[in-house]
Every structure is written in C-alpha cells, then in structure tokens.
C-alpha atoms as a PDB file:
ATOM      1  CA  MET A   1      23.500  20.667  94.312  1.00  0.00           C
ATOM      2  CA  ALA A   2      26.333  23.211  94.204  1.00  0.00           C
ATOM      3  CA  VAL A   3      26.198  26.166  96.511  1.00  0.00           C
ATOM      4  CA  ASN A   4      27.159  29.563  95.147  1.00  0.00           C
ATOM      5  CA  THR A   5      29.546  30.994  97.726  1.00  0.00           C
ATOM      6  CA  GLY A   6      30.510  34.040  95.738  1.00  0.00           C
ATOM      7  CA  ALA A   7      34.211  33.252  96.173  1.00  0.00           C
ATOM      8  CA  LYS A   8      36.380  34.999  93.613  1.00  0.00           C
ATOM      9  CA  GLN A   9      39.735  33.931  95.041  1.00  0.00           C
ATOM     10  CA  PHE A  10      40.506  31.607  92.133  1.00  0.00           C
ATOM     11  CA  ARG A  11      40.454  34.540  89.705  1.00  0.00           C
ATOM     12  CA  LYS A  12      43.538  36.103  91.286  1.00  0.00           C
ATOM     13  CA  VAL A  13      45.893  33.302  90.199  1.00  0.00           C
ATOM     14  CA  ASP A  14      48.219  34.348  87.375  1.00  0.00           C
ATOM     15  CA  VAL A  15      47.961  31.363  85.042  1.00  0.00           C
ATOM     16  CA  ASP A  16      50.440  32.863  82.559  1.00  0.00           C
ATOM     17  CA  GLN A  17      53.332  32.222  84.953  1.00  0.00           C
ATOM     18  CA  TYR A  18      52.853  28.481  84.408  1.00  0.00           C
ATOM     19  CA  ASN A  19      53.088  28.717  80.617  1.00  0.00           C
ATOM     20  CA  GLU A  20      56.130  26.798  79.385  1.00  0.00           C
ATOM     21  CA  ASP A  21      57.026  29.609  76.959  1.00  0.00           C
ATOM     22  CA  ASN A  22      57.742  31.838  79.957  1.00  0.00           C
ATOM     23  CA  TYR A  23      59.930  29.277  81.764  1.00  0.00           C
ATOM     24  CA  GLN A  24      63.436  30.428  82.639  1.00  0.00           C
ATOM     25  CA  GLU A  25      66.150  28.199  84.040  1.00  0.00           C
ATOM     26  CA  ASP A  26      67.852  29.140  87.277  1.00  0.00           C
ATOM     27  CA  VAL A  27      70.964  31.072  86.390  1.00  0.00           C
ATOM     28  CA  ILE A  28      73.880  31.509  88.747  1.00  0.00           C
ATOM     29  CA  GLU A  29      76.337  34.265  87.982  1.00  0.00           C
ATOM     30  CA  ASP A  30      79.471  33.003  86.258  1.00  0.00           C
ATOM     31  CA  GLY A  31      81.766  34.559  88.856  1.00  0.00           C
ATOM     32  CA  LEU A  32      80.275  32.567  91.723  1.00  0.00           C
ATOM     33  CA  ASP A  33      80.983  29.100  90.361  1.00  0.00           C
ATOM     34  CA  GLU A  34      84.663  29.008  89.476  1.00  0.00           C
ATOM     35  CA  GLY A  35      85.351  25.330  89.989  1.00  0.00           C
ATOM     36  CA  PRO A  36      87.990  23.682  92.152  1.00  0.00           C
ATOM     37  CA  ASN A  37      90.983  25.613  93.470  1.00  0.00           C
ATOM     38  CA  GLU A  38      93.980  24.392  91.487  1.00  0.00           C
ATOM     39  CA  ASN A  39      96.518  25.374  94.163  1.00  0.00           C
ATOM     40  CA  GLU A  40      94.670  23.453  96.874  1.00  0.00           C
ATOM     41  CA  VAL A  41      94.352  20.350  94.702  1.00  0.00           C
ATOM     42  CA  SER A  42      98.025  20.507  93.668  1.00  0.00           C
ATOM     43  CA  SER A  43      99.172  20.788  97.264  1.00  0.00           C
ATOM     44  CA  LEU A  44      97.016  17.794  98.250  1.00  0.00           C
ATOM     45  CA  LEU A  45      98.438  15.747  95.370  1.00  0.00           C
ATOM     46  CA  GLN A  46     102.009  16.646  96.317  1.00  0.00           C
ATOM     47  CA  ALA A  47     101.302  15.647  99.908  1.00  0.00           C
ATOM     48  CA  GLY A  48     100.064  12.250  98.708  1.00  0.00           C
ATOM     49  CA  LYS A  49      96.462  12.900  99.768  1.00  0.00           C
ATOM     50  CA  ASN A  50      94.902  11.754  96.518  1.00  0.00           C
ATOM     51  CA  VAL A  51      91.508  10.901  98.030  1.00  0.00           C
ATOM     52  CA  ASP A  52      91.196  14.358  99.577  1.00  0.00           C
ATOM     53  CA  ALA A  53      92.156  15.945  96.247  1.00  0.00           C
ATOM     54  CA  LEU A  54      89.488  13.853  94.524  1.00  0.00           C
ATOM     55  CA  LYS A  55      86.842  14.951  97.020  1.00  0.00           C
ATOM     56  CA  VAL A  56      87.798  18.629  96.604  1.00  0.00           C
ATOM     57  CA  VAL A  57      87.544  18.368  92.828  1.00  0.00           C
ATOM     58  CA  LEU A  58      84.183  16.582  92.955  1.00  0.00           C
ATOM     59  CA  LYS A  59      82.738  18.922  95.578  1.00  0.00           C
ATOM     60  CA  ASN A  60      83.643  22.103  93.668  1.00  0.00           C
ATOM     61  CA  ALA A  61      82.546  21.099  90.174  1.00  0.00           C
ATOM     62  CA  PRO A  62      81.466  24.078  88.023  1.00  0.00           C
ATOM     63  CA  LEU A  63      77.978  22.800  87.198  1.00  0.00           C
ATOM     64  CA  SER A  64      76.123  26.095  87.045  1.00  0.00           C
ATOM     65  CA  THR A  65      78.553  28.128  84.986  1.00  0.00           C
ATOM     66  CA  LYS A  66      78.130  28.579  81.270  1.00  0.00           C
ATOM     67  CA  ASN A  67      81.806  29.456  80.838  1.00  0.00           C
ATOM     68  CA  GLN A  68      83.254  26.553  78.845  1.00  0.00           C
ATOM     69  CA  ASN A  69      86.825  27.571  79.679  1.00  0.00           C
ATOM     70  CA  THR A  70      86.128  27.088  83.404  1.00  0.00           C
ATOM     71  CA  LYS A  71      84.607  23.664  82.747  1.00  0.00           C
ATOM     72  CA  ASP A  72      87.590  22.635  80.612  1.00  0.00           C
ATOM     73  CA  LYS A  73      90.060  23.672  83.320  1.00  0.00           C
ATOM     74  CA  ALA A  74      88.089  21.711  85.919  1.00  0.00           C
ATOM     75  CA  LEU A  75      88.120  18.661  83.620  1.00  0.00           C
ATOM     76  CA  GLN A  76      91.893  18.892  83.145  1.00  0.00           C
ATOM     77  CA  LEU A  77      92.404  19.178  86.892  1.00  0.00           C
ATOM     78  CA  THR A  78      90.099  16.234  87.538  1.00  0.00           C
ATOM     79  CA  MET A  79      91.904  14.130  84.942  1.00  0.00           C
ATOM     80  CA  ARG A  80      95.187  14.975  86.647  1.00  0.00           C
ATOM     81  CA  VAL A  81      93.753  13.794  89.969  1.00  0.00           C
ATOM     82  CA  LEU A  82      92.300  10.594  88.479  1.00  0.00           C
ATOM     83  CA  THR A  83      95.548   9.668  86.742  1.00  0.00           C
ATOM     84  CA  SER A  84      97.536  10.211  89.943  1.00  0.00           C
ATOM     85  CA  PHE A  85      95.956   7.117  91.537  1.00  0.00           C
ATOM     86  CA  ARG A  86      97.515   3.687  91.226  1.00  0.00           C
ATOM     87  CA  SER A  87      95.210   0.888  90.067  1.00  0.00           C
ATOM     88  CA  ALA A  88      95.116  -0.710  93.511  1.00  0.00           C
ATOM     89  CA  GLU A  89      94.045   2.558  95.174  1.00  0.00           C
ATOM     90  CA  ILE A  90      91.053   3.258  92.929  1.00  0.00           C
ATOM     91  CA  GLU A  91      88.591   0.902  94.621  1.00  0.00           C
ATOM     92  CA  LYS A  92      89.458   2.217  98.090  1.00  0.00           C
ATOM     93  CA  ALA A  93      89.015   5.784  96.882  1.00  0.00           C
ATOM     94  CA  VAL A  94      85.638   5.054  95.269  1.00  0.00           C
ATOM     95  CA  ASN A  95      84.409   3.341  98.432  1.00  0.00           C
ATOM     96  CA  THR A  96      85.010   6.552 100.424  1.00  0.00           C
ATOM     97  CA  LEU A  97      82.690   8.568  98.144  1.00  0.00           C
ATOM     98  CA  ASP A  98      79.008   9.128  98.816  1.00  0.00           C
ATOM     99  CA  LYS A  99      76.190   8.912  96.261  1.00  0.00           C
ATOM    100  CA  LEU A 100      76.440  12.513  95.033  1.00  0.00           C
ATOM    101  CA  GLU A 101      80.199  12.299  94.690  1.00  0.00           C
ATOM    102  CA  ILE A 102      79.885   9.050  92.713  1.00  0.00           C
ATOM    103  CA  ASP A 103      77.433  10.766  90.357  1.00  0.00           C
ATOM    104  CA  MET A 104      79.822  13.699  89.917  1.00  0.00           C
ATOM    105  CA  LEU A 105      82.694  11.295  89.282  1.00  0.00           C
ATOM    106  CA  MET A 106      80.634   9.598  86.575  1.00  0.00           C
ATOM    107  CA  LYS A 107      79.944  12.978  84.966  1.00  0.00           C
ATOM    108  CA  TYR A 108      83.671  13.648  84.798  1.00  0.00           C
ATOM    109  CA  LEU A 109      84.357  10.151  83.477  1.00  0.00           C
ATOM    110  CA  TYR A 110      81.894  10.547  80.617  1.00  0.00           C
ATOM    111  CA  ARG A 111      83.232  14.013  79.866  1.00  0.00           C
ATOM    112  CA  GLY A 112      86.731  12.527  79.828  1.00  0.00           C
ATOM    113  CA  PHE A 113      85.547   9.911  77.325  1.00  0.00           C
ATOM    114  CA  GLU A 114      84.351  12.769  75.088  1.00  0.00           C
ATOM    115  CA  VAL A 115      87.808  14.362  75.032  1.00  0.00           C
ATOM    116  CA  PRO A 116      90.317  11.508  75.204  1.00  0.00           C
ATOM    117  CA  ALA A 117      93.953  12.271  75.914  1.00  0.00           C
ATOM    118  CA  GLU A 118      97.014  10.083  75.489  1.00  0.00           C
ATOM    119  CA  GLY A 119      96.605   7.041  77.751  1.00  0.00           C
ATOM    120  CA  SER A 120      93.561   8.367  79.615  1.00  0.00           C
ATOM    121  CA  SER A 121      90.994   5.915  78.249  1.00  0.00           C
ATOM    122  CA  ALA A 122      92.383   2.921  80.160  1.00  0.00           C
ATOM    123  CA  VAL A 123      92.433   4.921  83.393  1.00  0.00           C
ATOM    124  CA  LEU A 124      88.890   6.188  82.810  1.00  0.00           C
ATOM    125  CA  LEU A 125      87.613   2.673  82.102  1.00  0.00           C
ATOM    126  CA  ASN A 126      89.197   1.425  85.319  1.00  0.00           C
ATOM    127  CA  TRP A 127      87.543   4.247  87.279  1.00  0.00           C
ATOM    128  CA  HIS A 128      84.226   3.599  85.511  1.00  0.00           C
ATOM    129  CA  GLU A 129      84.319  -0.075  86.485  1.00  0.00           C
ATOM    130  CA  LYS A 130      84.825   0.742  90.173  1.00  0.00           C
ATOM    131  CA  ALA A 131      82.282   3.594  90.192  1.00  0.00           C
ATOM    132  CA  TYR A 132      79.681   1.393  88.484  1.00  0.00           C
ATOM    133  CA  ALA A 133      80.274  -1.337  91.046  1.00  0.00           C
ATOM    134  CA  LYS A 134      79.500   1.117  93.847  1.00  0.00           C
ATOM    135  CA  GLY A 135      76.864   3.353  92.203  1.00  0.00           C
ATOM    136  CA  GLY A 136      75.041   0.790  90.106  1.00  0.00           C
ATOM    137  CA  LEU A 137      73.003   1.397  86.990  1.00  0.00           C
ATOM    138  CA  GLY A 138      71.063   4.211  88.642  1.00  0.00           C
ATOM    139  CA  CYS A 139      74.225   6.284  88.781  1.00  0.00           C
ATOM    140  CA  ILE A 140      74.650   6.062  85.014  1.00  0.00           C
ATOM    141  CA  VAL A 141      70.994   6.908  84.378  1.00  0.00           C
ATOM    142  CA  ARG A 142      71.153   9.939  86.683  1.00  0.00           C
ATOM    143  CA  VAL A 143      74.263  11.236  84.942  1.00  0.00           C
ATOM    144  CA  LEU A 144      72.945  10.757  81.418  1.00  0.00           C
ATOM    145  CA  THR A 145      69.593  12.405  82.188  1.00  0.00           C
ATOM    146  CA  ASP A 146      70.936  15.313  84.242  1.00  0.00           C
ATOM    147  CA  ARG A 147      70.753  18.679  82.494  1.00  0.00           C
ATOM    148  CA  LYS A 148      73.754  20.131  84.287  1.00  0.00           C
ATOM    149  CA  HIS A 149      77.008  19.070  82.695  1.00  0.00           C
ATOM    150  CA  VAL A 150      80.620  19.461  83.759  1.00  0.00           C
END
C-alpha cells in the first residue's frame, strides 16, 4: 500500500518549459562565426601547404551563422582549396583528416554539388570517392541528417 509522505516537490517542476512550441534553437551571434580566414588560407596555398589549408577551412566552417553571404564565401574558399590538389594527393590528404573533418568535408562536397562551377564536378566526385572510402556510409548519413549546413 502506498504511503502518503506529503512530498510536494514534484509540483515545483515547470512542465511548460518542455513543450515543443516553446523550443528555441541555440543561436550564436553572426559576428562570432565568420568562417575561415581567407588571407591565412591563401598564404598556405601559395606556400604549397594544401593539407594545412584544407584543415584550416574545415576547422573554421561557418556552421552557426545564418548569414548566407558568409557561407557562400566559405564555400568558394573551400572549392579553391579542393581544386588546388592534384589527383594523386587527394587520398593522402583525406587520410590525414579525422572523423569530424571528414564529415565537414562531405558537407562542403554536397554543397558544392548544389552549386556546380565550371569543371568542379569531376574534382568533387574524386574527393567524394576518397572521403567515402575513409568515412564510410555513416559519414554520408550524418551529413544528410545534420541540421547545421555550410
């Protein structure tokens, strides 16, 4: 038989905060997430450090910003980095990336497929082949189901 303890603690929980109509996504101020530094990436590319330039671009992706102009500039810079690699260097570059960087690379690849430029599709398909070989099917699923886009 249940014992009446007189506890009223459960009545102090605000159940309205869990209502899905009141849910708000985490918002980061647009000024804080500006994307990769174009000068740094350009200097790395000129020095022949393509892998380092790739890592800088992937690490500083503007995921949280809602400014489409910032995302477009980051995509253009990333496409410039990806097209700077020779075909033989792509597999070595992909093998130096970790799981999160592979996922970010896939996000940029799919975004690049959305906005094709002259001659970029062949390069993107080559990158996709190597990234899929390293990241597997899970990488594609994570990218397609993620709510944060580049």
